[in-house]
Structure formats: C-alpha cells, structure tokens
Amino acid sequence: MTNDRGAMNTLHRPVLHGYAPGESDGSEPFVPGITIAVSRQTGSRGRAIAQRTAELLGWQSIDQDTLECMIQHPEYCSTIEESPSPAALEWIEEQVARIHQGDPPICHQEFLPLAQVVLGLSAVGNCVILGRGAGFLLPTDVRLHVRLIAPERDRIAYISEVERLSLQEAERFVSERDDARSSFLEQAFGKASTDVSSYDLILNVPEFGLEGCATLIASAAKAKAEHILEHSLPPQR
C-alpha cells in the first residue's frame, strides 16, 4: 500500500516542469499527473466549486472563457502555464494523434485546437478545467472526470438569484444553456452529457454544498492518484 506522500507525488507530477519521477535519464515515458475536468448542469455552481477545489489543492482553475481565450490567442498561454518540457510536447503530439486518428476520432477536426490547449494544460499539470468537454479529451489515467448535478428547481432558483431573472426566465435560461452544452458535446465528441459511464465522480451538489463538493473532488483526485501509483509499481518480491 502506498503512503500519502507517494499519492501526492502522483497527484502533482509533473509539478511545473513536465517530468515524471525517475524520468531524468530518459528510461521512463512521460506521464502527467492528475488533471481534474469538471462537467456541470447549468446552475449547479460548477464555476465556484471548480475554483474552490483548485484553492484546496493549490492549483490553477481554468474556466471555459479562459480556454476560449487560449485557443484564440495562443500567446496568452504563457501567462497561464509554464512551458511544457520536450518530453511533455512529445506526449501532447502523441495524444493529439490518438484523438484525431482514432476509429472513430475522439473529436472532430475543428475541435483539435481545443484538444491541444487542454492537453497542454494537462501536460504541465496542477489544474482544474471547467467545461468544454475536457474530460472527454484526456486519457482516463491522467484525469478525474467530475459531473456536477442538482435538481432542476434548485438550479432555476440559483440562476434566478445570480442573474436577477424571474423564475420563468431562469427556467428558460437553464433549459437553453443545458441544451447548448449537450449539443456541443454531441457535435464535438459524439458524447451525451447524461451518459454516467463517462464520469469518474458524480455529485448531487445540494446534498454536500459547495465546500463539501470541493473537498470530495480534491479527495477523489488524491485517491485516483494513489490507485494509479499502486498499479504502476512493479510487483514486490
């Protein structure tokens, strides 16, 4: 059984420089640490939970607007992340090929710039990515894919409050935004947001609250890191 230090090393690798432990001699392949990808229903407080999770871990939080900015203005990336190492860049190229050349491809050609940004963030490590289907782009062994849900009435009430809308307007807002997100996932990845098998962790937000959800996500990331570490170690004799 691994100790907490080993799990944290896996959780945070490659720290900020893109090298997995023991790779300095080139004998082992580059493997990023865990990236948390958060999917959410409209009004489930996904942005706040993602930000709080990042705070608990000491990571950066990357939302949908930031992702879009990084796609449109690559020079902006230098203000968000450290430069990937040569080994990390090679890993990114391999993953882009995996995404593009799969049968069927994991995402359509027009979304490859999004894939490159998400993979670049994962290669550098230590980030929580909100939205844009990031969890569908990353290999399962380097990401924790989280889905945040809440009863419709709770989400409508929350949107009504924060957007200063009537309940009727908020209901329409929630419905249209959820439909748009579902359409994006279907168009980009051929995936349905309601497919529970796509996620590692699904949280009903009102049952745990913002702080509880953030704590559970951070703990789940550590648990997955430990699980990966255990299964990557050679058997003991």
C-alpha atoms as a PDB file:
ATOM      1  CA  MET A   1       0.000   0.000   0.000  1.00  0.00           C
ATOM      2  CA  THR A   2       1.371   3.436  -0.939  1.00  0.00           C
ATOM      3  CA  ASN A   3       1.665   6.207   1.580  1.00  0.00           C
ATOM      4  CA  ASP A   4       0.182   9.699   1.305  1.00  0.00           C
ATOM      5  CA  ARG A   5       3.466  11.147   0.054  1.00  0.00           C
ATOM      6  CA  GLY A   6       3.524   8.733  -2.883  1.00  0.00           C
ATOM      7  CA  ALA A   7      -0.053   9.572  -3.793  1.00  0.00           C
ATOM      8  CA  MET A   8       0.659  13.279  -3.651  1.00  0.00           C
ATOM      9  CA  ASN A   9       3.702  12.843  -5.894  1.00  0.00           C
ATOM     10  CA  THR A  10       1.478  11.176  -8.470  1.00  0.00           C
ATOM     11  CA  LEU A  11      -1.225  13.794  -8.000  1.00  0.00           C
ATOM     12  CA  HIS A  12       1.184  16.645  -8.610  1.00  0.00           C
ATOM     13  CA  ARG A  13       3.524  15.152 -11.174  1.00  0.00           C
ATOM     14  CA  PRO A  14       4.933  16.590 -13.347  1.00  0.00           C
ATOM     15  CA  VAL A  15       4.712  19.522 -10.910  1.00  0.00           C
ATOM     16  CA  LEU A  16       5.596  22.533 -13.056  1.00  0.00           C
ATOM     17  CA  HIS A  17       8.274  21.189 -15.360  1.00  0.00           C
ATOM     18  CA  GLY A  18       6.756  18.233 -17.161  1.00  0.00           C
ATOM     19  CA  TYR A  19       8.881  15.323 -15.949  1.00  0.00           C
ATOM     20  CA  ALA A  20       7.588  12.283 -14.171  1.00  0.00           C
ATOM     21  CA  PRO A  21       9.605  10.958 -11.229  1.00  0.00           C
ATOM     22  CA  GLY A  22      12.612   8.987 -12.414  1.00  0.00           C
ATOM     23  CA  GLU A  23      12.488  10.248 -15.992  1.00  0.00           C
ATOM     24  CA  SER A  24      15.641  12.332 -15.947  1.00  0.00           C
ATOM     25  CA  ASP A  25      17.670   9.551 -17.565  1.00  0.00           C
ATOM     26  CA  GLY A  26      15.115   9.077 -20.341  1.00  0.00           C
ATOM     27  CA  SER A  27      14.372   5.496 -19.288  1.00  0.00           C
ATOM     28  CA  GLU A  28      10.681   6.037 -18.490  1.00  0.00           C
ATOM     29  CA  PRO A  29       7.909   7.602 -20.581  1.00  0.00           C
ATOM     30  CA  PHE A  30       6.447  10.955 -19.655  1.00  0.00           C
ATOM     31  CA  VAL A  31       3.227  10.634 -17.651  1.00  0.00           C
ATOM     32  CA  PRO A  32       1.352  13.731 -16.444  1.00  0.00           C
ATOM     33  CA  GLY A  33      -0.237  13.945 -13.046  1.00  0.00           C
ATOM     34  CA  ILE A  34      -3.984  14.091 -12.498  1.00  0.00           C
ATOM     35  CA  THR A  35      -5.976  16.896 -14.126  1.00  0.00           C
ATOM     36  CA  ILE A  36      -9.480  17.498 -12.798  1.00  0.00           C
ATOM     37  CA  ALA A  37     -12.082  18.049 -15.536  1.00  0.00           C
ATOM     38  CA  VAL A  38     -15.442  19.353 -14.318  1.00  0.00           C
ATOM     39  CA  SER A  39     -18.690  18.989 -16.256  1.00  0.00           C
ATOM     40  CA  ARG A  40     -21.829  20.548 -14.821  1.00  0.00           C
ATOM     41  CA  GLN A  41     -25.511  21.192 -15.249  1.00  0.00           C
ATOM     42  CA  THR A  42     -26.423  24.849 -15.567  1.00  0.00           C
ATOM     43  CA  GLY A  43     -26.996  26.368 -12.157  1.00  0.00           C
ATOM     44  CA  SER A  44     -25.179  23.641 -10.211  1.00  0.00           C
ATOM     45  CA  ARG A  45     -22.500  26.136  -9.072  1.00  0.00           C
ATOM     46  CA  GLY A  46     -19.823  24.462 -11.157  1.00  0.00           C
ATOM     47  CA  ARG A  47     -17.600  27.516 -11.504  1.00  0.00           C
ATOM     48  CA  ALA A  48     -17.485  28.183  -7.763  1.00  0.00           C
ATOM     49  CA  ILE A  49     -16.860  24.519  -6.956  1.00  0.00           C
ATOM     50  CA  ALA A  50     -14.066  24.242  -9.524  1.00  0.00           C
ATOM     51  CA  GLN A  51     -12.418  27.377  -8.141  1.00  0.00           C
ATOM     52  CA  ARG A  52     -12.688  26.156  -4.565  1.00  0.00           C
ATOM     53  CA  THR A  53     -11.273  22.746  -5.496  1.00  0.00           C
ATOM     54  CA  ALA A  54      -8.293  24.459  -7.108  1.00  0.00           C
ATOM     55  CA  GLU A  55      -7.788  26.541  -3.964  1.00  0.00           C
ATOM     56  CA  LEU A  56      -7.797  23.443  -1.749  1.00  0.00           C
ATOM     57  CA  LEU A  57      -5.139  21.793  -3.918  1.00  0.00           C
ATOM     58  CA  GLY A  58      -3.120  24.922  -4.612  1.00  0.00           C
ATOM     59  CA  TRP A  59      -3.768  24.524  -8.341  1.00  0.00           C
ATOM     60  CA  GLN A  60      -4.922  26.891 -11.065  1.00  0.00           C
ATOM     61  CA  SER A  61      -8.567  26.978 -12.157  1.00  0.00           C
ATOM     62  CA  ILE A  62      -9.206  27.217 -15.903  1.00  0.00           C
ATOM     63  CA  ASP A  63     -12.759  28.062 -16.956  1.00  0.00           C
ATOM     64  CA  GLN A  64     -14.456  27.977 -20.342  1.00  0.00           C
ATOM     65  CA  ASP A  65     -13.754  31.639 -21.084  1.00  0.00           C
ATOM     66  CA  THR A  66     -10.047  31.172 -20.394  1.00  0.00           C
ATOM     67  CA  LEU A  67      -9.925  28.097 -22.625  1.00  0.00           C
ATOM     68  CA  GLU A  68     -11.534  30.018 -25.476  1.00  0.00           C
ATOM     69  CA  CYS A  69      -9.084  32.879 -24.989  1.00  0.00           C
ATOM     70  CA  MET A  70      -6.144  30.470 -25.083  1.00  0.00           C
ATOM     71  CA  ILE A  71      -7.445  28.957 -28.322  1.00  0.00           C
ATOM     72  CA  GLN A  72      -7.918  32.336 -29.994  1.00  0.00           C
ATOM     73  CA  HIS A  73      -4.747  33.904 -28.574  1.00  0.00           C
ATOM     74  CA  PRO A  74      -2.020  31.256 -28.047  1.00  0.00           C
ATOM     75  CA  GLU A  75       0.381  33.909 -26.757  1.00  0.00           C
ATOM     76  CA  TYR A  76      -1.920  34.229 -23.733  1.00  0.00           C
ATOM     77  CA  CYS A  77      -0.946  30.696 -22.687  1.00  0.00           C
ATOM     78  CA  SER A  78       2.374  31.964 -21.384  1.00  0.00           C
ATOM     79  CA  THR A  79       0.538  33.858 -18.655  1.00  0.00           C
ATOM     80  CA  ILE A  80      -1.397  30.757 -17.591  1.00  0.00           C
ATOM     81  CA  GLU A  81       1.064  27.895 -17.620  1.00  0.00           C
ATOM     82  CA  GLU A  82       4.721  27.013 -17.535  1.00  0.00           C
ATOM     83  CA  SER A  83       6.235  25.921 -20.850  1.00  0.00           C
ATOM     84  CA  PRO A  84       5.934  22.144 -21.386  1.00  0.00           C
ATOM     85  CA  SER A  85       9.189  20.202 -21.468  1.00  0.00           C
ATOM     86  CA  PRO A  86      10.351  18.434 -24.664  1.00  0.00           C
ATOM     87  CA  ALA A  87       9.039  15.148 -23.239  1.00  0.00           C
ATOM     88  CA  ALA A  88       5.690  16.789 -22.493  1.00  0.00           C
ATOM     89  CA  LEU A  89       5.491  18.220 -26.011  1.00  0.00           C
ATOM     90  CA  GLU A  90       6.075  14.748 -27.430  1.00  0.00           C
ATOM     91  CA  TRP A  91       3.301  13.400 -25.197  1.00  0.00           C
ATOM     92  CA  ILE A  92       0.951  16.139 -26.421  1.00  0.00           C
ATOM     93  CA  GLU A  93       1.683  15.236 -30.049  1.00  0.00           C
ATOM     94  CA  GLU A  94       1.005  11.566 -29.325  1.00  0.00           C
ATOM     95  CA  GLN A  95      -2.302  12.404 -27.662  1.00  0.00           C
ATOM     96  CA  VAL A  96      -3.396  14.699 -30.500  1.00  0.00           C
ATOM     97  CA  ALA A  97      -2.690  11.828 -32.905  1.00  0.00           C
ATOM     98  CA  ARG A  98      -4.703   9.474 -30.671  1.00  0.00           C
ATOM     99  CA  ILE A  99      -7.627  11.885 -30.676  1.00  0.00           C
ATOM    100  CA  HIS A 100      -7.514  12.621 -34.401  1.00  0.00           C
ATOM    101  CA  GLN A 101      -6.704   9.170 -35.758  1.00  0.00           C
ATOM    102  CA  GLY A 102      -8.981   7.082 -33.568  1.00  0.00           C
ATOM    103  CA  ASP A 103     -11.681   4.933 -35.157  1.00  0.00           C
ATOM    104  CA  PRO A 104     -13.870   6.842 -34.828  1.00  0.00           C
ATOM    105  CA  PRO A 105     -11.885  10.004 -33.963  1.00  0.00           C
ATOM    106  CA  ILE A 106     -12.377  11.173 -30.386  1.00  0.00           C
ATOM    107  CA  CYS A 107     -13.232  14.661 -31.604  1.00  0.00           C
ATOM    108  CA  HIS A 108     -13.824  16.332 -34.951  1.00  0.00           C
ATOM    109  CA  GLN A 109     -11.046  18.175 -36.779  1.00  0.00           C
ATOM    110  CA  GLU A 110     -12.425  21.630 -35.987  1.00  0.00           C
ATOM    111  CA  PHE A 111     -12.016  20.995 -32.263  1.00  0.00           C
ATOM    112  CA  LEU A 112      -8.339  19.985 -32.391  1.00  0.00           C
ATOM    113  CA  PRO A 113      -7.202  23.471 -31.212  1.00  0.00           C
ATOM    114  CA  LEU A 114      -9.298  22.893 -28.078  1.00  0.00           C
ATOM    115  CA  ALA A 115      -7.702  19.468 -27.663  1.00  0.00           C
ATOM    116  CA  GLN A 116      -4.199  20.927 -27.958  1.00  0.00           C
ATOM    117  CA  VAL A 117      -4.883  23.537 -25.268  1.00  0.00           C
ATOM    118  CA  VAL A 118      -6.443  21.013 -22.870  1.00  0.00           C
ATOM    119  CA  LEU A 119      -3.594  18.548 -23.402  1.00  0.00           C
ATOM    120  CA  GLY A 120      -1.045  21.318 -22.911  1.00  0.00           C
ATOM    121  CA  LEU A 121      -2.593  22.217 -19.578  1.00  0.00           C
ATOM    122  CA  SER A 122      -2.644  18.562 -18.547  1.00  0.00           C
ATOM    123  CA  ALA A 123       0.998  18.102 -19.531  1.00  0.00           C
ATOM    124  CA  VAL A 124       2.054  20.986 -17.302  1.00  0.00           C
ATOM    125  CA  GLY A 125      -0.266  19.747 -14.571  1.00  0.00           C
ATOM    126  CA  ASN A 126      -1.875  21.086 -11.412  1.00  0.00           C
ATOM    127  CA  CYS A 127      -5.103  22.444 -12.885  1.00  0.00           C
ATOM    128  CA  VAL A 128      -8.866  22.147 -12.645  1.00  0.00           C
ATOM    129  CA  ILE A 129     -10.553  22.616 -16.030  1.00  0.00           C
ATOM    130  CA  LEU A 130     -14.217  23.636 -16.159  1.00  0.00           C
ATOM    131  CA  GLY A 131     -16.293  22.783 -19.207  1.00  0.00           C
ATOM    132  CA  ARG A 132     -15.671  22.339 -22.954  1.00  0.00           C
ATOM    133  CA  GLY A 133     -15.618  18.572 -22.670  1.00  0.00           C
ATOM    134  CA  ALA A 134     -12.078  18.463 -21.288  1.00  0.00           C
ATOM    135  CA  GLY A 135     -12.720  15.144 -19.590  1.00  0.00           C
ATOM    136  CA  PHE A 136     -13.525  13.513 -22.936  1.00  0.00           C
ATOM    137  CA  LEU A 137     -10.185  14.634 -24.395  1.00  0.00           C
ATOM    138  CA  LEU A 138      -7.838  13.420 -21.677  1.00  0.00           C
ATOM    139  CA  PRO A 139      -6.756   9.789 -21.224  1.00  0.00           C
ATOM    140  CA  THR A 140      -8.506   8.181 -18.277  1.00  0.00           C
ATOM    141  CA  ASP A 141      -5.243   7.598 -16.405  1.00  0.00           C
ATOM    142  CA  VAL A 142      -4.386  11.299 -16.216  1.00  0.00           C
ATOM    143  CA  ARG A 143      -7.734  12.834 -15.360  1.00  0.00           C
ATOM    144  CA  LEU A 144     -10.518  12.847 -12.804  1.00  0.00           C
ATOM    145  CA  HIS A 145     -13.753  13.469 -14.714  1.00  0.00           C
ATOM    146  CA  VAL A 146     -16.394  15.015 -12.460  1.00  0.00           C
ATOM    147  CA  ARG A 147     -20.070  15.699 -13.188  1.00  0.00           C
ATOM    148  CA  LEU A 148     -21.990  18.164 -11.002  1.00  0.00           C
ATOM    149  CA  ILE A 149     -25.766  17.896 -10.927  1.00  0.00           C
ATOM    150  CA  ALA A 150     -28.651  19.395  -8.949  1.00  0.00           C
ATOM    151  CA  PRO A 151     -32.454  19.214  -9.015  1.00  0.00           C
ATOM    152  CA  GLU A 152     -33.921  21.480 -11.678  1.00  0.00           C
ATOM    153  CA  ARG A 153     -35.850  23.580  -9.168  1.00  0.00           C
ATOM    154  CA  ASP A 154     -32.655  24.319  -7.239  1.00  0.00           C
ATOM    155  CA  ARG A 155     -30.798  25.278 -10.386  1.00  0.00           C
ATOM    156  CA  ILE A 156     -33.599  27.548 -11.562  1.00  0.00           C
ATOM    157  CA  ALA A 157     -33.760  29.263  -8.171  1.00  0.00           C
ATOM    158  CA  TYR A 158     -29.981  29.779  -8.158  1.00  0.00           C
ATOM    159  CA  ILE A 159     -29.911  31.219 -11.679  1.00  0.00           C
ATOM    160  CA  SER A 160     -32.880  33.453 -10.853  1.00  0.00           C
ATOM    161  CA  GLU A 161     -30.928  34.888  -7.932  1.00  0.00           C
ATOM    162  CA  VAL A 162     -27.488  35.348  -9.502  1.00  0.00           C
ATOM    163  CA  GLU A 163     -28.733  36.521 -12.913  1.00  0.00           C
ATOM    164  CA  ARG A 164     -31.621  38.569 -11.469  1.00  0.00           C
ATOM    165  CA  LEU A 165     -34.197  36.824 -13.618  1.00  0.00           C
ATOM    166  CA  SER A 166     -37.782  35.849 -12.965  1.00  0.00           C
ATOM    167  CA  LEU A 167     -38.330  32.157 -12.289  1.00  0.00           C
ATOM    168  CA  GLN A 168     -39.826  31.779 -15.748  1.00  0.00           C
ATOM    169  CA  GLU A 169     -36.845  33.498 -17.358  1.00  0.00           C
ATOM    170  CA  ALA A 170     -34.438  31.446 -15.270  1.00  0.00           C
ATOM    171  CA  GLU A 171     -36.165  28.226 -16.295  1.00  0.00           C
ATOM    172  CA  ARG A 172     -35.725  29.144 -19.953  1.00  0.00           C
ATOM    173  CA  PHE A 173     -32.093  30.151 -19.317  1.00  0.00           C
ATOM    174  CA  VAL A 174     -31.302  26.802 -17.678  1.00  0.00           C
ATOM    175  CA  SER A 175     -33.015  24.810 -20.408  1.00  0.00           C
ATOM    176  CA  GLU A 176     -31.330  26.671 -23.265  1.00  0.00           C
ATOM    177  CA  ARG A 177     -27.877  26.563 -21.680  1.00  0.00           C
ATOM    178  CA  ASP A 178     -28.119  22.838 -20.929  1.00  0.00           C
ATOM    179  CA  ASP A 179     -29.322  22.156 -24.472  1.00  0.00           C
ATOM    180  CA  ALA A 180     -26.403  24.156 -25.902  1.00  0.00           C
ATOM    181  CA  ARG A 181     -23.876  22.232 -23.803  1.00  0.00           C
ATOM    182  CA  SER A 182     -25.401  18.902 -24.768  1.00  0.00           C
ATOM    183  CA  SER A 183     -25.306  19.884 -28.442  1.00  0.00           C
ATOM    184  CA  PHE A 184     -21.648  20.859 -28.141  1.00  0.00           C
ATOM    185  CA  LEU A 185     -20.667  17.512 -26.609  1.00  0.00           C
ATOM    186  CA  GLU A 186     -22.605  15.639 -29.276  1.00  0.00           C
ATOM    187  CA  GLN A 187     -21.116  17.691 -32.106  1.00  0.00           C
ATOM    188  CA  ALA A 188     -17.540  17.695 -30.798  1.00  0.00           C
ATOM    189  CA  PHE A 189     -17.203  14.220 -29.307  1.00  0.00           C
ATOM    190  CA  GLY A 190     -20.334  12.264 -30.153  1.00  0.00           C
ATOM    191  CA  LYS A 191     -20.994  12.028 -26.414  1.00  0.00           C
ATOM    192  CA  ALA A 192     -24.073  12.571 -24.266  1.00  0.00           C
ATOM    193  CA  SER A 193     -23.690  14.516 -21.035  1.00  0.00           C
ATOM    194  CA  THR A 194     -26.191  12.125 -19.447  1.00  0.00           C
ATOM    195  CA  ASP A 195     -24.005   9.037 -20.028  1.00  0.00           C
ATOM    196  CA  VAL A 196     -22.978   8.329 -16.454  1.00  0.00           C
ATOM    197  CA  SER A 197     -20.274   5.884 -17.540  1.00  0.00           C
ATOM    198  CA  SER A 198     -18.261   8.831 -18.901  1.00  0.00           C
ATOM    199  CA  TYR A 199     -17.553  10.169 -15.410  1.00  0.00           C
ATOM    200  CA  ASP A 200     -15.376   9.091 -12.519  1.00  0.00           C
ATOM    201  CA  LEU A 201     -17.413  11.002  -9.945  1.00  0.00           C
ATOM    202  CA  ILE A 202     -20.968  12.409  -9.990  1.00  0.00           C
ATOM    203  CA  LEU A 203     -22.030  14.749  -7.182  1.00  0.00           C
ATOM    204  CA  ASN A 204     -25.511  15.995  -6.333  1.00  0.00           C
ATOM    205  CA  VAL A 205     -24.438  19.462  -5.224  1.00  0.00           C
ATOM    206  CA  PRO A 206     -27.239  20.355  -2.759  1.00  0.00           C
ATOM    207  CA  GLU A 207     -26.510  17.198  -0.771  1.00  0.00           C
ATOM    208  CA  PHE A 208     -22.948  18.304   0.021  1.00  0.00           C
ATOM    209  CA  GLY A 209     -22.788  22.056  -0.545  1.00  0.00           C
ATOM    210  CA  LEU A 210     -20.009  23.981  -2.252  1.00  0.00           C
ATOM    211  CA  GLU A 211     -17.318  23.252   0.322  1.00  0.00           C
ATOM    212  CA  GLY A 212     -18.287  19.607   0.648  1.00  0.00           C
ATOM    213  CA  CYS A 213     -18.200  19.052  -3.108  1.00  0.00           C
ATOM    214  CA  ALA A 214     -14.808  20.738  -3.436  1.00  0.00           C
ATOM    215  CA  THR A 215     -13.421  18.635  -0.591  1.00  0.00           C
ATOM    216  CA  LEU A 216     -14.776  15.416  -2.095  1.00  0.00           C
ATOM    217  CA  ILE A 217     -13.331  16.221  -5.523  1.00  0.00           C
ATOM    218  CA  ALA A 218      -9.910  17.005  -4.068  1.00  0.00           C
ATOM    219  CA  SER A 219     -10.002  13.770  -2.060  1.00  0.00           C
ATOM    220  CA  ALA A 220     -11.082  11.784  -5.119  1.00  0.00           C
ATOM    221  CA  ALA A 221      -8.171  13.201  -7.123  1.00  0.00           C
ATOM    222  CA  LYS A 222      -5.768  12.041  -4.415  1.00  0.00           C
ATOM    223  CA  ALA A 223      -7.445   8.616  -4.289  1.00  0.00           C
ATOM    224  CA  LYS A 224      -7.182   8.191  -8.061  1.00  0.00           C
ATOM    225  CA  ALA A 225      -3.541   9.272  -7.968  1.00  0.00           C
ATOM    226  CA  GLU A 226      -2.855   6.636  -5.311  1.00  0.00           C
ATOM    227  CA  HIS A 227      -4.697   3.998  -7.337  1.00  0.00           C
ATOM    228  CA  ILE A 228      -2.633   4.832 -10.432  1.00  0.00           C
ATOM    229  CA  LEU A 229       0.584   4.764  -8.423  1.00  0.00           C
ATOM    230  CA  GLU A 230      -0.227   1.377  -6.911  1.00  0.00           C
ATOM    231  CA  HIS A 231      -0.895  -0.158 -10.316  1.00  0.00           C
ATOM    232  CA  SER A 232       2.184   1.385 -11.912  1.00  0.00           C
ATOM    233  CA  LEU A 233       4.629  -0.050  -9.366  1.00  0.00           C
ATOM    234  CA  PRO A 234       6.390  -3.348 -10.164  1.00  0.00           C
ATOM    235  CA  PRO A 235       5.187  -6.278  -8.029  1.00  0.00           C
ATOM    236  CA  GLN A 236       7.092  -6.736  -4.794  1.00  0.00           C
ATOM    237  CA  ARG A 237       9.106  -9.919  -4.354  1.00  0.00           C
END
